[in-house]
Amino acid sequence: MDIIFKLPIILVLVFILFSLFQGMYYLAKDDGKNDKTRVVKALTVRIVLSFVLFSLLLLGYFTGMLQPHGV
């Protein structure tokens, strides 16, 4: 797999993890006085990024840049 295709996948994974931990932080630390939708927004971003990652993986598979292999 070429580095041009690996880098966006790794970056999207990092952003997914960041959004996940951000949502967890907001869930644990918000006392209800701040913006109450921060958890929902963080998790919505994570879902969108997961969809982007899935789309990138499908694109890589259909263009032949990713090859499945047996375990």
C-alpha atoms as a PDB file:
ATOM      1  CA  MET A   1       0.000   0.000   0.000  1.00  0.00           C
ATOM      2  CA  ASP A   2       1.352   3.377  -0.956  1.00  0.00           C
ATOM      3  CA  ILE A   3       2.112   6.052   1.661  1.00  0.00           C
ATOM      4  CA  ILE A   4      -0.253   8.419  -0.177  1.00  0.00           C
ATOM      5  CA  PHE A   5      -3.105   6.082   0.728  1.00  0.00           C
ATOM      6  CA  LYS A   6      -1.841   5.131   4.212  1.00  0.00           C
ATOM      7  CA  LEU A   7      -1.487   8.663   5.540  1.00  0.00           C
ATOM      8  CA  PRO A   8      -5.162   9.756   5.208  1.00  0.00           C
ATOM      9  CA  ILE A   9      -6.324   6.493   6.806  1.00  0.00           C
ATOM     10  CA  ILE A  10      -3.982   6.963   9.768  1.00  0.00           C
ATOM     11  CA  LEU A  11      -5.002  10.618  10.148  1.00  0.00           C
ATOM     12  CA  VAL A  12      -8.702   9.752  10.137  1.00  0.00           C
ATOM     13  CA  LEU A  13      -8.073   7.057  12.773  1.00  0.00           C
ATOM     14  CA  VAL A  14      -6.251   9.583  14.966  1.00  0.00           C
ATOM     15  CA  PHE A  15      -9.099  12.086  14.614  1.00  0.00           C
ATOM     16  CA  ILE A  16     -11.639   9.359  15.461  1.00  0.00           C
ATOM     17  CA  LEU A  17      -9.756   8.539  18.657  1.00  0.00           C
ATOM     18  CA  PHE A  18      -9.436  12.231  19.523  1.00  0.00           C
ATOM     19  CA  SER A  19     -13.178  12.752  19.059  1.00  0.00           C
ATOM     20  CA  LEU A  20     -13.944   9.660  21.127  1.00  0.00           C
ATOM     21  CA  PHE A  21     -11.820  10.857  24.046  1.00  0.00           C
ATOM     22  CA  GLN A  22     -13.198  14.373  23.688  1.00  0.00           C
ATOM     23  CA  GLY A  23     -16.741  13.044  24.012  1.00  0.00           C
ATOM     24  CA  MET A  24     -15.732  10.952  27.014  1.00  0.00           C
ATOM     25  CA  TYR A  25     -14.183  14.022  28.661  1.00  0.00           C
ATOM     26  CA  TYR A  26     -17.298  16.119  28.060  1.00  0.00           C
ATOM     27  CA  LEU A  27     -19.489  13.336  29.416  1.00  0.00           C
ATOM     28  CA  ALA A  28     -17.438  13.062  32.621  1.00  0.00           C
ATOM     29  CA  LYS A  29     -16.651  16.721  33.302  1.00  0.00           C
ATOM     30  CA  ASP A  30     -19.655  18.758  32.160  1.00  0.00           C
ATOM     31  CA  ASP A  31     -21.845  19.812  35.036  1.00  0.00           C
ATOM     32  CA  GLY A  32     -24.772  20.867  32.875  1.00  0.00           C
ATOM     33  CA  LYS A  33     -24.073  24.593  33.047  1.00  0.00           C
ATOM     34  CA  ASN A  34     -22.060  24.684  29.846  1.00  0.00           C
ATOM     35  CA  ASP A  35     -23.270  23.825  26.385  1.00  0.00           C
ATOM     36  CA  LYS A  36     -25.230  20.609  26.929  1.00  0.00           C
ATOM     37  CA  THR A  37     -24.779  19.367  23.382  1.00  0.00           C
ATOM     38  CA  ARG A  38     -20.990  19.057  23.384  1.00  0.00           C
ATOM     39  CA  VAL A  39     -21.100  15.288  23.940  1.00  0.00           C
ATOM     40  CA  VAL A  40     -23.556  14.818  21.099  1.00  0.00           C
ATOM     41  CA  LYS A  41     -21.475  16.998  18.768  1.00  0.00           C
ATOM     42  CA  ALA A  42     -18.268  15.117  19.589  1.00  0.00           C
ATOM     43  CA  LEU A  43     -19.899  11.749  18.990  1.00  0.00           C
ATOM     44  CA  THR A  44     -21.510  13.002  15.765  1.00  0.00           C
ATOM     45  CA  VAL A  45     -18.071  14.001  14.515  1.00  0.00           C
ATOM     46  CA  ARG A  46     -16.804  10.528  15.398  1.00  0.00           C
ATOM     47  CA  ILE A  47     -19.600   8.872  13.442  1.00  0.00           C
ATOM     48  CA  VAL A  48     -18.942  11.047  10.392  1.00  0.00           C
ATOM     49  CA  LEU A  49     -15.216  10.318  10.581  1.00  0.00           C
ATOM     50  CA  SER A  50     -15.938   6.595  10.871  1.00  0.00           C
ATOM     51  CA  PHE A  51     -18.061   6.815   7.732  1.00  0.00           C
ATOM     52  CA  VAL A  52     -15.213   8.640   5.956  1.00  0.00           C
ATOM     53  CA  LEU A  53     -12.775   5.930   7.043  1.00  0.00           C
ATOM     54  CA  PHE A  54     -15.084   3.191   5.802  1.00  0.00           C
ATOM     55  CA  SER A  55     -15.457   5.019   2.483  1.00  0.00           C
ATOM     56  CA  LEU A  56     -11.679   5.370   2.148  1.00  0.00           C
ATOM     57  CA  LEU A  57     -11.212   1.666   2.788  1.00  0.00           C
ATOM     58  CA  LEU A  58     -13.869   0.771   0.220  1.00  0.00           C
ATOM     59  CA  LEU A  59     -12.296   3.148  -2.297  1.00  0.00           C
ATOM     60  CA  GLY A  60      -8.916   1.551  -1.710  1.00  0.00           C
ATOM     61  CA  TYR A  61     -10.355  -1.910  -2.176  1.00  0.00           C
ATOM     62  CA  PHE A  62     -12.238  -1.103  -5.373  1.00  0.00           C
ATOM     63  CA  THR A  63      -9.294   0.758  -6.934  1.00  0.00           C
ATOM     64  CA  GLY A  64      -6.934  -2.112  -6.136  1.00  0.00           C
ATOM     65  CA  MET A  65      -4.738  -0.223  -3.651  1.00  0.00           C
ATOM     66  CA  LEU A  66      -5.855  -2.554  -0.844  1.00  0.00           C
ATOM     67  CA  GLN A  67      -5.653  -6.275  -1.301  1.00  0.00           C
ATOM     68  CA  PRO A  68      -7.402  -8.641   1.128  1.00  0.00           C
ATOM     69  CA  HIS A  69      -5.394 -11.571   2.421  1.00  0.00           C
ATOM     70  CA  GLY A  70      -6.142 -14.647   4.449  1.00  0.00           C
ATOM     71  CA  VAL A  71      -5.118 -14.851   8.054  1.00  0.00           C
END
